[in-house]
Amino acid sequence: SRVLPSGDEPIVLVDASLSMSGAPWGA
């Protein structure tokens, strides 16, 4: 009878490669 969390929160995947250095990484 408990309400379980749905697990439908969004997931954000952030690119952490060297091409993201500088301004793209900050944004």
ModelCIF file with pLDDT and N, C-alpha, C, O atoms, coordinates in Angstrom:
data_MODEL
#
_entry.id   MODEL 
#
_entity.id                         1 
_entity.type                       polymer 
_entity.pdbx_number_of_molecules   1 
#
_entity_poly.entity_id                      1 
_entity_poly.type                           'polypeptide(L)' 
_entity_poly.nstd_linkage                   no 
_entity_poly.nstd_monomer                   no 
_entity_poly.pdbx_seq_one_letter_code       SRVLPSGDEPIVLVDASLSMSGAPWGA 
_entity_poly.pdbx_seq_one_letter_code_can   SRVLPSGDEPIVLVDASLSMSGAPWGA 
_entity_poly.pdbx_strand_id                 A 
#
loop_
_entity_poly_seq.entity_id 
_entity_poly_seq.num 
_entity_poly_seq.mon_id 
_entity_poly_seq.hetero 
1 1  SER n 
1 2  ARG n 
1 3  VAL n 
1 4  LEU n 
1 5  PRO n 
1 6  SER n 
1 7  GLY n 
1 8  ASP n 
1 9  GLU n 
1 10 PRO n 
1 11 ILE n 
1 12 VAL n 
1 13 LEU n 
1 14 VAL n 
1 15 ASP n 
1 16 ALA n 
1 17 SER n 
1 18 LEU n 
1 19 SER n 
1 20 MET n 
1 21 SER n 
1 22 GLY n 
1 23 ALA n 
1 24 PRO n 
1 25 TRP n 
1 26 GLY n 
1 27 ALA n 
#
_struct_asym.id          A 
_struct_asym.entity_id   1 
#
loop_
_ma_qa_metric.id 
_ma_qa_metric.mode 
_ma_qa_metric.name 
_ma_qa_metric.software_group_id 
_ma_qa_metric.type 
1 global pLDDT . pLDDT 
2 local  pLDDT . pLDDT 
#
_ma_qa_metric_global.metric_id      1 
_ma_qa_metric_global.metric_value   79.56 
_ma_qa_metric_global.model_id       1 
_ma_qa_metric_global.ordinal_id     1 
#
loop_
_ma_qa_metric_local.label_asym_id 
_ma_qa_metric_local.label_comp_id 
_ma_qa_metric_local.label_seq_id 
_ma_qa_metric_local.metric_id 
_ma_qa_metric_local.metric_value 
_ma_qa_metric_local.model_id 
_ma_qa_metric_local.ordinal_id 
A SER 1  2 49.00 1 1  
A ARG 2  2 49.00 1 2  
A VAL 3  2 52.00 1 3  
A LEU 4  2 45.00 1 4  
A PRO 5  2 54.00 1 5  
A SER 6  2 53.00 1 6  
A GLY 7  2 59.00 1 7  
A ASP 8  2 75.00 1 8  
A GLU 9  2 84.00 1 9  
A PRO 10 2 89.00 1 10 
A ILE 11 2 92.00 1 11 
A VAL 12 2 94.00 1 12 
A LEU 13 2 95.00 1 13 
A VAL 14 2 95.00 1 14 
A ASP 15 2 94.00 1 15 
A ALA 16 2 93.00 1 16 
A SER 17 2 92.00 1 17 
A LEU 18 2 90.00 1 18 
A SER 19 2 88.00 1 19 
A MET 20 2 91.00 1 20 
A SER 21 2 88.00 1 21 
A GLY 22 2 85.00 1 22 
A ALA 23 2 84.00 1 23 
A PRO 24 2 88.00 1 24 
A TRP 25 2 90.00 1 25 
A GLY 26 2 90.00 1 26 
A ALA 27 2 90.00 1 27 
#
loop_
_atom_site.group_PDB 
_atom_site.id 
_atom_site.type_symbol 
_atom_site.label_atom_id 
_atom_site.label_alt_id 
_atom_site.label_comp_id 
_atom_site.label_asym_id 
_atom_site.label_entity_id 
_atom_site.label_seq_id 
_atom_site.pdbx_PDB_ins_code 
_atom_site.Cartn_x 
_atom_site.Cartn_y 
_atom_site.Cartn_z 
_atom_site.occupancy 
_atom_site.B_iso_or_equiv 
_atom_site.pdbx_formal_charge 
_atom_site.auth_seq_id 
_atom_site.auth_comp_id 
_atom_site.auth_asym_id 
_atom_site.auth_atom_id 
_atom_site.pdbx_PDB_model_num 
ATOM 1   N N  . SER A 1 1  ? 0.801  -1.212 0.000   1.00 49.00 ? 1  SER A N  1 
ATOM 2   C CA . SER A 1 1  ? 0.000  0.000  0.000   1.00 49.00 ? 1  SER A CA 1 
ATOM 3   C C  . SER A 1 1  ? 0.841  1.272  0.000   1.00 49.00 ? 1  SER A C  1 
ATOM 4   O O  . SER A 1 1  ? 0.289  2.372  -0.019  1.00 49.00 ? 1  SER A O  1 
ATOM 5   N N  . ARG A 1 2  ? 2.154  1.144  0.021   1.00 49.00 ? 2  ARG A N  1 
ATOM 6   C CA . ARG A 1 2  ? 3.021  2.329  -0.036  1.00 49.00 ? 2  ARG A CA 1 
ATOM 7   C C  . ARG A 1 2  ? 3.095  2.856  -1.448  1.00 49.00 ? 2  ARG A C  1 
ATOM 8   O O  . ARG A 1 2  ? 3.026  2.093  -2.411  1.00 49.00 ? 2  ARG A O  1 
ATOM 9   N N  . VAL A 1 3  ? 3.235  4.161  -1.569  1.00 52.00 ? 3  VAL A N  1 
ATOM 10  C CA . VAL A 1 3  ? 3.436  4.769  -2.873  1.00 52.00 ? 3  VAL A CA 1 
ATOM 11  C C  . VAL A 1 3  ? 4.935  4.779  -3.146  1.00 52.00 ? 3  VAL A C  1 
ATOM 12  O O  . VAL A 1 3  ? 5.700  5.427  -2.432  1.00 52.00 ? 3  VAL A O  1 
ATOM 13  N N  . LEU A 1 4  ? 5.340  4.069  -4.167  1.00 45.00 ? 4  LEU A N  1 
ATOM 14  C CA . LEU A 1 4  ? 6.753  3.977  -4.514  1.00 45.00 ? 4  LEU A CA 1 
ATOM 15  C C  . LEU A 1 4  ? 7.118  5.077  -5.491  1.00 45.00 ? 4  LEU A C  1 
ATOM 16  O O  . LEU A 1 4  ? 6.284  5.478  -6.303  1.00 45.00 ? 4  LEU A O  1 
ATOM 17  N N  . PRO A 1 5  ? 8.364  5.580  -5.431  1.00 54.00 ? 5  PRO A N  1 
ATOM 18  C CA . PRO A 1 5  ? 8.769  6.595  -6.409  1.00 54.00 ? 5  PRO A CA 1 
ATOM 19  C C  . PRO A 1 5  ? 8.725  6.017  -7.814  1.00 54.00 ? 5  PRO A C  1 
ATOM 20  O O  . PRO A 1 5  ? 9.070  4.857  -8.039  1.00 54.00 ? 5  PRO A O  1 
ATOM 21  N N  . SER A 1 6  ? 8.299  6.837  -8.740  1.00 53.00 ? 6  SER A N  1 
ATOM 22  C CA . SER A 1 6  ? 8.100  6.357  -10.105 1.00 53.00 ? 6  SER A CA 1 
ATOM 23  C C  . SER A 1 6  ? 9.396  6.219  -10.894 1.00 53.00 ? 6  SER A C  1 
ATOM 24  O O  . SER A 1 6  ? 9.441  5.463  -11.865 1.00 53.00 ? 6  SER A O  1 
ATOM 25  N N  . GLY A 1 7  ? 10.440 6.923  -10.505 1.00 59.00 ? 7  GLY A N  1 
ATOM 26  C CA . GLY A 1 7  ? 11.702 6.846  -11.239 1.00 59.00 ? 7  GLY A CA 1 
ATOM 27  C C  . GLY A 1 7  ? 11.642 7.531  -12.583 1.00 59.00 ? 7  GLY A C  1 
ATOM 28  O O  . GLY A 1 7  ? 12.448 7.240  -13.466 1.00 59.00 ? 7  GLY A O  1 
ATOM 29  N N  . ASP A 1 8  ? 10.695 8.440  -12.751 1.00 75.00 ? 8  ASP A N  1 
ATOM 30  C CA . ASP A 1 8  ? 10.558 9.085  -14.044 1.00 75.00 ? 8  ASP A CA 1 
ATOM 31  C C  . ASP A 1 8  ? 11.184 10.482 -14.070 1.00 75.00 ? 8  ASP A C  1 
ATOM 32  O O  . ASP A 1 8  ? 10.850 11.294 -14.933 1.00 75.00 ? 8  ASP A O  1 
ATOM 33  N N  . GLU A 1 9  ? 12.086 10.763 -13.135 1.00 84.00 ? 9  GLU A N  1 
ATOM 34  C CA . GLU A 1 9  ? 12.785 12.040 -13.193 1.00 84.00 ? 9  GLU A CA 1 
ATOM 35  C C  . GLU A 1 9  ? 13.725 12.042 -14.403 1.00 84.00 ? 9  GLU A C  1 
ATOM 36  O O  . GLU A 1 9  ? 14.269 11.002 -14.772 1.00 84.00 ? 9  GLU A O  1 
ATOM 37  N N  . PRO A 1 10 ? 13.907 13.187 -15.002 1.00 89.00 ? 10 PRO A N  1 
ATOM 38  C CA . PRO A 1 10 ? 14.770 13.235 -16.194 1.00 89.00 ? 10 PRO A CA 1 
ATOM 39  C C  . PRO A 1 10 ? 16.217 12.903 -15.847 1.00 89.00 ? 10 PRO A C  1 
ATOM 40  O O  . PRO A 1 10 ? 16.659 13.092 -14.713 1.00 89.00 ? 10 PRO A O  1 
ATOM 41  N N  . ILE A 1 11 ? 16.928 12.416 -16.821 1.00 92.00 ? 11 ILE A N  1 
ATOM 42  C CA . ILE A 1 11 ? 18.362 12.163 -16.661 1.00 92.00 ? 11 ILE A CA 1 
ATOM 43  C C  . ILE A 1 11 ? 19.096 13.025 -17.668 1.00 92.00 ? 11 ILE A C  1 
ATOM 44  O O  . ILE A 1 11 ? 18.743 13.062 -18.846 1.00 92.00 ? 11 ILE A O  1 
ATOM 45  N N  . VAL A 1 12 ? 20.122 13.719 -17.196 1.00 94.00 ? 12 VAL A N  1 
ATOM 46  C CA . VAL A 1 12 ? 20.910 14.615 -18.034 1.00 94.00 ? 12 VAL A CA 1 
ATOM 47  C C  . VAL A 1 12 ? 22.287 13.991 -18.215 1.00 94.00 ? 12 VAL A C  1 
ATOM 48  O O  . VAL A 1 12 ? 22.956 13.668 -17.234 1.00 94.00 ? 12 VAL A O  1 
ATOM 49  N N  . LEU A 1 13 ? 22.711 13.821 -19.457 1.00 95.00 ? 13 LEU A N  1 
ATOM 50  C CA . LEU A 1 13 ? 24.025 13.274 -19.792 1.00 95.00 ? 13 LEU A CA 1 
ATOM 51  C C  . LEU A 1 13 ? 24.898 14.419 -20.290 1.00 95.00 ? 13 LEU A C  1 
ATOM 52  O O  . LEU A 1 13 ? 24.606 15.023 -21.323 1.00 95.00 ? 13 LEU A O  1 
ATOM 53  N N  . VAL A 1 14 ? 25.966 14.718 -19.559 1.00 95.00 ? 14 VAL A N  1 
ATOM 54  C CA . VAL A 1 14 ? 26.836 15.839 -19.891 1.00 95.00 ? 14 VAL A CA 1 
ATOM 55  C C  . VAL A 1 14 ? 28.128 15.305 -20.509 1.00 95.00 ? 14 VAL A C  1 
ATOM 56  O O  . VAL A 1 14 ? 28.806 14.465 -19.917 1.00 95.00 ? 14 VAL A O  1 
ATOM 57  N N  . ASP A 1 15 ? 28.460 15.792 -21.686 1.00 94.00 ? 15 ASP A N  1 
ATOM 58  C CA . ASP A 1 15 ? 29.684 15.425 -22.390 1.00 94.00 ? 15 ASP A CA 1 
ATOM 59  C C  . ASP A 1 15 ? 30.882 15.969 -21.616 1.00 94.00 ? 15 ASP A C  1 
ATOM 60  O O  . ASP A 1 15 ? 30.981 17.176 -21.394 1.00 94.00 ? 15 ASP A O  1 
ATOM 61  N N  . ALA A 1 16 ? 31.792 15.084 -21.205 1.00 93.00 ? 16 ALA A N  1 
ATOM 62  C CA . ALA A 1 16 ? 32.973 15.493 -20.435 1.00 93.00 ? 16 ALA A CA 1 
ATOM 63  C C  . ALA A 1 16 ? 34.254 15.226 -21.211 1.00 93.00 ? 16 ALA A C  1 
ATOM 64  O O  . ALA A 1 16 ? 35.278 14.879 -20.624 1.00 93.00 ? 16 ALA A O  1 
ATOM 65  N N  . SER A 1 17 ? 34.196 15.389 -22.539 1.00 92.00 ? 17 SER A N  1 
ATOM 66  C CA . SER A 1 17 ? 35.395 15.192 -23.348 1.00 92.00 ? 17 SER A CA 1 
ATOM 67  C C  . SER A 1 17 ? 36.165 16.506 -23.448 1.00 92.00 ? 17 SER A C  1 
ATOM 68  O O  . SER A 1 17 ? 35.640 17.568 -23.111 1.00 92.00 ? 17 SER A O  1 
ATOM 69  N N  . LEU A 1 18 ? 37.399 16.428 -23.908 1.00 90.00 ? 18 LEU A N  1 
ATOM 70  C CA . LEU A 1 18 ? 38.249 17.616 -23.995 1.00 90.00 ? 18 LEU A CA 1 
ATOM 71  C C  . LEU A 1 18 ? 37.689 18.678 -24.928 1.00 90.00 ? 18 LEU A C  1 
ATOM 72  O O  . LEU A 1 18 ? 37.992 19.860 -24.771 1.00 90.00 ? 18 LEU A O  1 
ATOM 73  N N  . SER A 1 19 ? 36.874 18.271 -25.899 1.00 88.00 ? 19 SER A N  1 
ATOM 74  C CA . SER A 1 19 ? 36.310 19.265 -26.821 1.00 88.00 ? 19 SER A CA 1 
ATOM 75  C C  . SER A 1 19 ? 35.317 20.191 -26.119 1.00 88.00 ? 19 SER A C  1 
ATOM 76  O O  . SER A 1 19 ? 34.948 21.228 -26.670 1.00 88.00 ? 19 SER A O  1 
ATOM 77  N N  . MET A 1 20 ? 34.886 19.835 -24.926 1.00 91.00 ? 20 MET A N  1 
ATOM 78  C CA . MET A 1 20 ? 33.939 20.663 -24.164 1.00 91.00 ? 20 MET A CA 1 
ATOM 79  C C  . MET A 1 20 ? 34.661 21.676 -23.269 1.00 91.00 ? 20 MET A C  1 
ATOM 80  O O  . MET A 1 20 ? 33.999 22.435 -22.562 1.00 91.00 ? 20 MET A O  1 
ATOM 81  N N  . SER A 1 21 ? 35.972 21.708 -23.281 1.00 88.00 ? 21 SER A N  1 
ATOM 82  C CA . SER A 1 21 ? 36.724 22.628 -22.416 1.00 88.00 ? 21 SER A CA 1 
ATOM 83  C C  . SER A 1 21 ? 36.367 24.074 -22.717 1.00 88.00 ? 21 SER A C  1 
ATOM 84  O O  . SER A 1 21 ? 36.054 24.425 -23.855 1.00 88.00 ? 21 SER A O  1 
ATOM 85  N N  . GLY A 1 22 ? 36.418 24.902 -21.692 1.00 85.00 ? 22 GLY A N  1 
ATOM 86  C CA . GLY A 1 22 ? 36.185 26.336 -21.862 1.00 85.00 ? 22 GLY A CA 1 
ATOM 87  C C  . GLY A 1 22 ? 34.721 26.704 -21.803 1.00 85.00 ? 22 GLY A C  1 
ATOM 88  O O  . GLY A 1 22 ? 33.990 26.232 -20.932 1.00 85.00 ? 22 GLY A O  1 
ATOM 89  N N  . ALA A 1 23 ? 34.288 27.546 -22.725 1.00 84.00 ? 23 ALA A N  1 
ATOM 90  C CA . ALA A 1 23 ? 32.922 28.085 -22.734 1.00 84.00 ? 23 ALA A CA 1 
ATOM 91  C C  . ALA A 1 23 ? 31.845 27.000 -22.839 1.00 84.00 ? 23 ALA A C  1 
ATOM 92  O O  . ALA A 1 23 ? 30.841 27.098 -22.132 1.00 84.00 ? 23 ALA A O  1 
ATOM 93  N N  . PRO A 1 24 ? 31.998 25.969 -23.683 1.00 88.00 ? 24 PRO A N  1 
ATOM 94  C CA . PRO A 1 24 ? 30.951 24.952 -23.742 1.00 88.00 ? 24 PRO A CA 1 
ATOM 95  C C  . PRO A 1 24 ? 30.751 24.241 -22.398 1.00 88.00 ? 24 PRO A C  1 
ATOM 96  O O  . PRO A 1 24 ? 29.622 23.927 -22.021 1.00 88.00 ? 24 PRO A O  1 
ATOM 97  N N  . TRP A 1 25 ? 31.843 23.991 -21.683 1.00 90.00 ? 25 TRP A N  1 
ATOM 98  C CA . TRP A 1 25 ? 31.740 23.311 -20.387 1.00 90.00 ? 25 TRP A CA 1 
ATOM 99  C C  . TRP A 1 25 ? 30.989 24.201 -19.387 1.00 90.00 ? 25 TRP A C  1 
ATOM 100 O O  . TRP A 1 25 ? 30.158 23.706 -18.625 1.00 90.00 ? 25 TRP A O  1 
ATOM 101 N N  . GLY A 1 26 ? 31.272 25.484 -19.386 1.00 90.00 ? 26 GLY A N  1 
ATOM 102 C CA . GLY A 1 26 ? 30.578 26.400 -18.487 1.00 90.00 ? 26 GLY A CA 1 
ATOM 103 C C  . GLY A 1 26 ? 29.086 26.434 -18.761 1.00 90.00 ? 26 GLY A C  1 
ATOM 104 O O  . GLY A 1 26 ? 28.282 26.423 -17.829 1.00 90.00 ? 26 GLY A O  1 
ATOM 105 N N  . ALA A 1 27 ? 28.709 26.476 -20.032 1.00 90.00 ? 27 ALA A N  1 
ATOM 106 C CA . ALA A 1 27 ? 27.293 26.493 -20.402 1.00 90.00 ? 27 ALA A CA 1 
ATOM 107 C C  . ALA A 1 27 ? 26.619 25.175 -20.027 1.00 90.00 ? 27 ALA A C  1 
ATOM 108 O O  . ALA A 1 27 ? 25.423 25.004 -20.261 1.00 90.00 ? 27 ALA A O  1 
#
